[in-house]
């Protein structure tokens, strides 16, 4: 954890060059280490919103889960992730769906269309199992 606190300030200036996978990975790492470094999270959020159209089906749930895990209710980011997730809903696997459902519930963030899409895709996956 001290290492994360040491590298976070150094990472912020270069974050504009990071792609969606890097953003999702660092958000996940920060959440797993339980180190909600506010300036780093703000930078991740800003870059994620700038590049949200580049996020793949795996990166959206991870990012949403990470912010929810740290109890950071970033509504503009959640809105962007929810909107970006809708066209990809058929690509989500069960783990992605459960991570998004948990993140929405734990954050008390109600995005009706995404919740409906999660439920519908869950049924598709369950029926095909």
C-alpha atoms as a PDB file:
ATOM      1  CA  UNK A   1       0.000   0.000   0.000  1.00  0.00           C
ATOM      2  CA  UNK A   2       2.823   2.510   0.647  1.00  0.00           C
ATOM      3  CA  UNK A   3       4.022   1.770  -2.881  1.00  0.00           C
ATOM      4  CA  UNK A   4       0.611   2.708  -4.299  1.00  0.00           C
ATOM      5  CA  UNK A   5       0.650   5.984  -2.391  1.00  0.00           C
ATOM      6  CA  UNK A   6       4.121   6.644  -3.772  1.00  0.00           C
ATOM      7  CA  UNK A   7       3.345   5.911  -7.409  1.00  0.00           C
ATOM      8  CA  UNK A   8      -0.146   7.432  -7.598  1.00  0.00           C
ATOM      9  CA  UNK A   9       1.038  11.064  -7.807  1.00  0.00           C
ATOM     10  CA  UNK A  10       3.589  10.091 -10.451  1.00  0.00           C
ATOM     11  CA  UNK A  11       0.948   8.299 -12.518  1.00  0.00           C
ATOM     12  CA  UNK A  12      -1.518  11.184 -12.700  1.00  0.00           C
ATOM     13  CA  UNK A  13       0.382  13.340 -15.238  1.00  0.00           C
ATOM     14  CA  UNK A  14       0.617  10.461 -17.732  1.00  0.00           C
ATOM     15  CA  UNK A  15      -2.930   9.180 -17.335  1.00  0.00           C
ATOM     16  CA  UNK A  16      -4.186  11.011 -20.435  1.00  0.00           C
ATOM     17  CA  UNK A  17      -2.114   8.588 -22.507  1.00  0.00           C
ATOM     18  CA  UNK A  18      -3.619   5.472 -20.914  1.00  0.00           C
ATOM     19  CA  UNK A  19      -6.030   3.263 -22.786  1.00  0.00           C
ATOM     20  CA  UNK A  20      -9.202   1.708 -21.414  1.00  0.00           C
ATOM     21  CA  UNK A  21      -7.486  -1.468 -20.245  1.00  0.00           C
ATOM     22  CA  UNK A  22      -4.864   0.482 -18.290  1.00  0.00           C
ATOM     23  CA  UNK A  23      -7.559   2.618 -16.660  1.00  0.00           C
ATOM     24  CA  UNK A  24      -9.635  -0.414 -15.675  1.00  0.00           C
ATOM     25  CA  UNK A  25      -6.560  -2.242 -14.386  1.00  0.00           C
ATOM     26  CA  UNK A  26      -5.346   0.602 -12.178  1.00  0.00           C
ATOM     27  CA  UNK A  27      -8.878   1.233 -10.878  1.00  0.00           C
ATOM     28  CA  UNK A  28      -9.122  -2.470  -9.987  1.00  0.00           C
ATOM     29  CA  UNK A  29      -5.698  -2.436  -8.297  1.00  0.00           C
ATOM     30  CA  UNK A  30      -6.530   0.627  -6.222  1.00  0.00           C
ATOM     31  CA  UNK A  31      -9.813  -0.981  -5.149  1.00  0.00           C
ATOM     32  CA  UNK A  32      -8.194  -4.337  -4.306  1.00  0.00           C
ATOM     33  CA  UNK A  33      -5.600  -2.547  -2.162  1.00  0.00           C
ATOM     34  CA  UNK A  34      -8.348  -0.499  -0.471  1.00  0.00           C
ATOM     35  CA  UNK A  35      -6.469   2.716  -1.168  1.00  0.00           C
ATOM     36  CA  UNK A  36      -8.971   5.300  -2.445  1.00  0.00           C
ATOM     37  CA  UNK A  37      -6.401   7.865  -3.603  1.00  0.00           C
ATOM     38  CA  UNK A  38      -8.800  10.712  -4.489  1.00  0.00           C
ATOM     39  CA  UNK A  39      -6.602  12.577  -7.012  1.00  0.00           C
ATOM     40  CA  UNK A  40      -5.783   9.346  -8.857  1.00  0.00           C
ATOM     41  CA  UNK A  41      -9.442   8.303  -8.922  1.00  0.00           C
ATOM     42  CA  UNK A  42     -10.446  11.719 -10.240  1.00  0.00           C
ATOM     43  CA  UNK A  43      -7.851  11.400 -13.010  1.00  0.00           C
ATOM     44  CA  UNK A  44      -9.012   7.866 -13.864  1.00  0.00           C
ATOM     45  CA  UNK A  45     -12.612   9.052 -13.976  1.00  0.00           C
ATOM     46  CA  UNK A  46     -11.835  12.035 -16.201  1.00  0.00           C
ATOM     47  CA  UNK A  47      -9.814   9.956 -18.667  1.00  0.00           C
ATOM     48  CA  UNK A  48     -12.389   7.155 -18.647  1.00  0.00           C
ATOM     49  CA  UNK A  49     -15.142   9.601 -19.543  1.00  0.00           C
ATOM     50  CA  UNK A  50     -12.999  11.039 -22.355  1.00  0.00           C
ATOM     51  CA  UNK A  51     -12.330   7.568 -23.789  1.00  0.00           C
ATOM     52  CA  UNK A  52     -15.469   5.656 -22.765  1.00  0.00           C
ATOM     53  CA  UNK A  53     -16.231   4.695 -26.371  1.00  0.00           C
ATOM     54  CA  UNK A  54     -12.970   2.701 -26.408  1.00  0.00           C
ATOM     55  CA  UNK A  55     -13.922   0.557 -23.401  1.00  0.00           C
ATOM     56  CA  UNK A  56     -14.628  -3.085 -24.111  1.00  0.00           C
ATOM     57  CA  UNK A  57     -17.182  -5.283 -22.387  1.00  0.00           C
ATOM     58  CA  UNK A  58     -14.661  -6.430 -19.756  1.00  0.00           C
ATOM     59  CA  UNK A  59     -13.344  -2.964 -18.873  1.00  0.00           C
ATOM     60  CA  UNK A  60     -16.691  -1.324 -18.121  1.00  0.00           C
ATOM     61  CA  UNK A  61     -17.738  -3.682 -15.292  1.00  0.00           C
ATOM     62  CA  UNK A  62     -14.259  -3.674 -13.767  1.00  0.00           C
ATOM     63  CA  UNK A  63     -14.175   0.109 -13.628  1.00  0.00           C
ATOM     64  CA  UNK A  64     -17.703   0.358 -12.235  1.00  0.00           C
ATOM     65  CA  UNK A  65     -16.929  -2.358  -9.666  1.00  0.00           C
ATOM     66  CA  UNK A  66     -13.714  -0.627  -8.597  1.00  0.00           C
ATOM     67  CA  UNK A  67     -15.357   2.722  -7.897  1.00  0.00           C
ATOM     68  CA  UNK A  68     -18.271   1.053  -6.097  1.00  0.00           C
ATOM     69  CA  UNK A  69     -15.876  -1.071  -4.015  1.00  0.00           C
ATOM     70  CA  UNK A  70     -14.200   2.103  -2.803  1.00  0.00           C
ATOM     71  CA  UNK A  71     -17.601   3.719  -2.141  1.00  0.00           C
ATOM     72  CA  UNK A  72     -16.795   6.443  -4.659  1.00  0.00           C
ATOM     73  CA  UNK A  73     -20.151   7.332  -6.203  1.00  0.00           C
ATOM     74  CA  UNK A  74     -18.962   9.206  -9.282  1.00  0.00           C
ATOM     75  CA  UNK A  75     -22.302   9.857 -10.977  1.00  0.00           C
ATOM     76  CA  UNK A  76     -20.904  11.266 -14.252  1.00  0.00           C
ATOM     77  CA  UNK A  77     -18.649   8.217 -14.579  1.00  0.00           C
ATOM     78  CA  UNK A  78     -21.464   5.838 -13.655  1.00  0.00           C
ATOM     79  CA  UNK A  79     -23.689   7.526 -16.261  1.00  0.00           C
ATOM     80  CA  UNK A  80     -20.978   7.195 -18.913  1.00  0.00           C
ATOM     81  CA  UNK A  81     -20.322   3.538 -18.083  1.00  0.00           C
ATOM     82  CA  UNK A  82     -24.034   2.744 -18.069  1.00  0.00           C
ATOM     83  CA  UNK A  83     -24.559   4.382 -21.459  1.00  0.00           C
ATOM     84  CA  UNK A  84     -21.503   2.646 -22.941  1.00  0.00           C
ATOM     85  CA  UNK A  85     -22.577  -0.722 -21.533  1.00  0.00           C
ATOM     86  CA  UNK A  86     -25.956  -0.759 -23.239  1.00  0.00           C
ATOM     87  CA  UNK A  87     -24.731  -1.480 -26.796  1.00  0.00           C
ATOM     88  CA  UNK A  88     -22.335  -4.125 -25.438  1.00  0.00           C
ATOM     89  CA  UNK A  89     -24.897  -5.917 -23.278  1.00  0.00           C
ATOM     90  CA  UNK A  90     -24.830  -9.082 -25.407  1.00  0.00           C
ATOM     91  CA  UNK A  91     -21.065  -9.384 -24.869  1.00  0.00           C
ATOM     92  CA  UNK A  92     -21.145  -9.517 -21.068  1.00  0.00           C
ATOM     93  CA  UNK A  93     -20.408 -12.788 -19.310  1.00  0.00           C
ATOM     94  CA  UNK A  94     -22.010 -13.744 -16.000  1.00  0.00           C
ATOM     95  CA  UNK A  95     -19.116 -12.355 -13.930  1.00  0.00           C
ATOM     96  CA  UNK A  96     -19.386  -9.012 -15.736  1.00  0.00           C
ATOM     97  CA  UNK A  97     -23.121  -8.914 -15.122  1.00  0.00           C
ATOM     98  CA  UNK A  98     -22.824  -9.827 -11.458  1.00  0.00           C
ATOM     99  CA  UNK A  99     -20.073  -7.237 -10.924  1.00  0.00           C
ATOM    100  CA  UNK A 100     -22.196  -4.528 -12.515  1.00  0.00           C
ATOM    101  CA  UNK A 101     -25.315  -5.547 -10.609  1.00  0.00           C
ATOM    102  CA  UNK A 102     -23.399  -5.537  -7.330  1.00  0.00           C
ATOM    103  CA  UNK A 103     -21.803  -2.166  -8.111  1.00  0.00           C
ATOM    104  CA  UNK A 104     -25.142  -0.578  -8.975  1.00  0.00           C
ATOM    105  CA  UNK A 105     -26.809  -1.982  -5.869  1.00  0.00           C
ATOM    106  CA  UNK A 106     -23.999  -1.169  -3.459  1.00  0.00           C
ATOM    107  CA  UNK A 107     -23.816   2.389  -4.798  1.00  0.00           C
ATOM    108  CA  UNK A 108     -27.596   2.843  -4.777  1.00  0.00           C
ATOM    109  CA  UNK A 109     -27.220   3.936  -8.391  1.00  0.00           C
ATOM    110  CA  UNK A 110     -30.419   3.232 -10.284  1.00  0.00           C
ATOM    111  CA  UNK A 111     -30.014   3.041 -14.039  1.00  0.00           C
ATOM    112  CA  UNK A 112     -33.198   1.234 -15.030  1.00  0.00           C
ATOM    113  CA  UNK A 113     -32.231   0.381 -18.613  1.00  0.00           C
ATOM    114  CA  UNK A 114     -28.897  -1.100 -17.528  1.00  0.00           C
ATOM    115  CA  UNK A 115     -30.524  -3.084 -14.726  1.00  0.00           C
ATOM    116  CA  UNK A 116     -33.040  -4.456 -17.253  1.00  0.00           C
ATOM    117  CA  UNK A 117     -30.225  -5.296 -19.687  1.00  0.00           C
ATOM    118  CA  UNK A 118     -28.281  -7.078 -16.928  1.00  0.00           C
ATOM    119  CA  UNK A 119     -31.356  -9.124 -16.060  1.00  0.00           C
ATOM    120  CA  UNK A 120     -32.095  -9.995 -19.695  1.00  0.00           C
ATOM    121  CA  UNK A 121     -28.517 -11.036 -20.485  1.00  0.00           C
ATOM    122  CA  UNK A 122     -28.352 -13.040 -17.262  1.00  0.00           C
ATOM    123  CA  UNK A 123     -31.406 -15.009 -18.357  1.00  0.00           C
ATOM    124  CA  UNK A 124     -29.875 -15.625 -21.783  1.00  0.00           C
ATOM    125  CA  UNK A 125     -26.687 -16.955 -20.208  1.00  0.00           C
ATOM    126  CA  UNK A 126     -28.570 -19.082 -17.672  1.00  0.00           C
ATOM    127  CA  UNK A 127     -30.791 -20.592 -20.343  1.00  0.00           C
ATOM    128  CA  UNK A 128     -27.808 -21.446 -22.529  1.00  0.00           C
ATOM    129  CA  UNK A 129     -25.862 -23.089 -19.695  1.00  0.00           C
END
